Amino acid sequence: MTEHATSDEHPPTMEITRGVANEEELAALIAVVSDAYAQESAEAVAEEPRVSAWERTQRPLRRGLRRDIPWGRFAR
């Protein structure tokens, strides 16, 4: 069996790749996998990174000067 999750709009699809399942086995499989999928997607929460006020006000560090680009009268 392989499970293919396409997107949030479409439920996952299942495909039996080995053996032969009867209707009761397929119904049980679909019920268990669907319930597990629904619980996992309901509990899945990504933590948002906390940014302190200090980090928000800091400018990013300056990058080093590029020596390969000539500028001004210092170019050779």
Protein backbone atom coordinates (compact mmCIF):
# COMPACT_ATOMS: atom_id res chain seq x y z
CA MET A 1 0.00 0.00 0.00
CA THR A 2 1.25 3.47 -0.82
CA GLU A 3 -0.27 6.72 0.37
CA HIS A 4 -0.17 9.84 -1.77
CA ALA A 5 -0.87 13.21 -0.13
CA THR A 6 -1.51 15.72 -2.89
CA SER A 7 -2.56 18.94 -1.15
CA ASP A 8 -4.80 20.31 1.58
CA GLU A 9 -7.75 20.52 -0.82
CA HIS A 10 -7.70 16.84 -1.78
CA PRO A 11 -7.71 13.94 0.69
CA PRO A 12 -4.87 11.42 0.44
CA THR A 13 -5.35 8.49 -1.90
CA MET A 14 -4.38 4.88 -1.21
CA GLU A 15 -3.30 2.19 -3.62
CA ILE A 16 -2.97 -1.52 -2.80
CA THR A 17 0.23 -2.71 -4.48
CA ARG A 18 0.41 -6.29 -3.14
CA GLY A 19 -2.12 -8.96 -2.33
CA VAL A 20 -5.89 -8.97 -2.62
CA ALA A 21 -8.07 -7.31 0.02
CA ASN A 22 -11.75 -7.95 0.50
CA GLU A 23 -14.30 -5.20 1.17
CA GLU A 24 -14.15 -5.52 4.99
CA GLU A 25 -10.34 -5.28 5.01
CA LEU A 26 -10.41 -2.25 2.72
CA ALA A 27 -13.06 -0.57 4.88
CA ALA A 28 -11.03 -1.19 8.04
CA LEU A 29 -7.85 0.07 6.38
CA ILE A 30 -9.52 3.22 5.11
CA ALA A 31 -11.12 3.92 8.49
CA VAL A 32 -7.87 3.50 10.45
CA VAL A 33 -5.67 5.43 8.05
CA SER A 34 -8.21 8.23 7.59
CA ASP A 35 -8.62 8.64 11.35
CA ALA A 36 -4.85 8.67 11.91
CA TYR A 37 -4.41 11.21 9.10
CA ALA A 38 -7.15 13.46 10.49
CA GLN A 39 -5.69 13.37 14.01
CA GLU A 40 -2.16 14.07 12.78
CA SER A 41 -3.22 16.98 10.59
CA ALA A 42 -5.32 18.46 13.44
CA GLU A 43 -2.41 18.25 15.89
CA ALA A 44 0.27 19.46 13.48
CA VAL A 45 1.27 22.94 14.57
CA ALA A 46 4.45 24.69 13.57
CA GLU A 47 5.94 26.81 16.30
CA GLU A 48 6.43 30.43 15.34
CA PRO A 49 9.90 31.69 16.16
CA ARG A 50 9.95 34.31 18.89
CA VAL A 51 11.79 37.46 17.95
CA SER A 52 12.71 39.82 20.74
CA ALA A 53 12.36 43.57 20.45
CA TRP A 54 16.16 43.79 20.49
CA GLU A 55 16.49 41.49 17.48
CA ARG A 56 13.80 43.39 15.59
CA THR A 57 15.58 46.74 15.97
CA GLN A 58 19.05 45.54 15.00
CA ARG A 59 20.30 46.20 11.50
CA PRO A 60 21.87 43.26 9.76
CA LEU A 61 25.64 43.06 9.88
CA ARG A 62 27.49 44.71 7.03
CA ARG A 63 28.98 42.49 4.42
CA GLY A 64 32.65 42.65 3.60
CA LEU A 65 33.81 44.90 0.77
CA ARG A 66 34.00 43.25 -2.60
CA ARG A 67 37.56 43.69 -3.85
CA ASP A 68 36.71 42.48 -7.35
CA ILE A 69 34.59 45.56 -8.13
CA PRO A 70 36.69 48.71 -8.71
CA TRP A 71 35.31 51.98 -7.43
CA GLY A 72 36.35 55.61 -7.47
CA ARG A 73 39.94 56.71 -8.02
CA PHE A 74 41.24 53.65 -6.22
CA ALA A 75 40.54 51.44 -9.23
CA ARG A 76 43.59 50.19 -11.09
